[in-house]
Amino acid sequence: MKDRIARGLRARSAEAASKPVRAVRLDPLAASEFPAWKALSASGYADSQVRSGHWTAEVAAELAAQEFQALLPEGLETPGHHVWVARDAETVARVGTLWIMMRPRGGRQEAYINDVRVDADRQGGGYGRAIMEAGAEAAKKLGADVVALNVHGFNDRAYNLYKSLGYQVANRHMRLEL
């Protein structure tokens, strides 16, 4: 058994070593980019809520729009909210986006990740990890002492990334369709 575990660790280490180490910088999202970002983010959120079984497809777009309006009533100027464009640190090419909401929570200052997105043409290249690491650093600079997020049950890829970064499960929500 120990030999099988050691082989698995070597295989994962070799796989990790074959991927390039990425670094990103986070630049504030420009006001001109906000409408397109909001539409894409809200659409992705609606799709996730449907896929998770929380919402029906018929109401998802409307509910997502309502939640985004409630969370970002002043758009990019909403206090405590930070929306960034992630750029490759070397090439400065856009690779994704990150939206963090700062809030007091249980006596702590929490940075809640509302949305993290790797652009479709950049997925699988280590940018998700780099964006999450840069986001944690940004949250720390903003005064957070904890970073939290939600990951939907179907999203194993994201769950595994977050676990590998040290995130721990804080809650589990379960459902039974009737």
Foldseek 3Di string as FASTA:
>chain_A
DVVVVVVVVVVVVVVVVVFDAFAKAWDFDDPVCQVVVLQVLLVVVLVLCCVLVNDPNVCSSVVSVVVCCVVCVPGCPPPQKTKTFIATPPPRHTFWIWIWGWDDDPNFIETETPDTTTPPVNPPRNVSLNVVVNVVVVCVVVPGPYYYYDDRPVCPVVVVSCVVVPDDDDDDDDDDDD
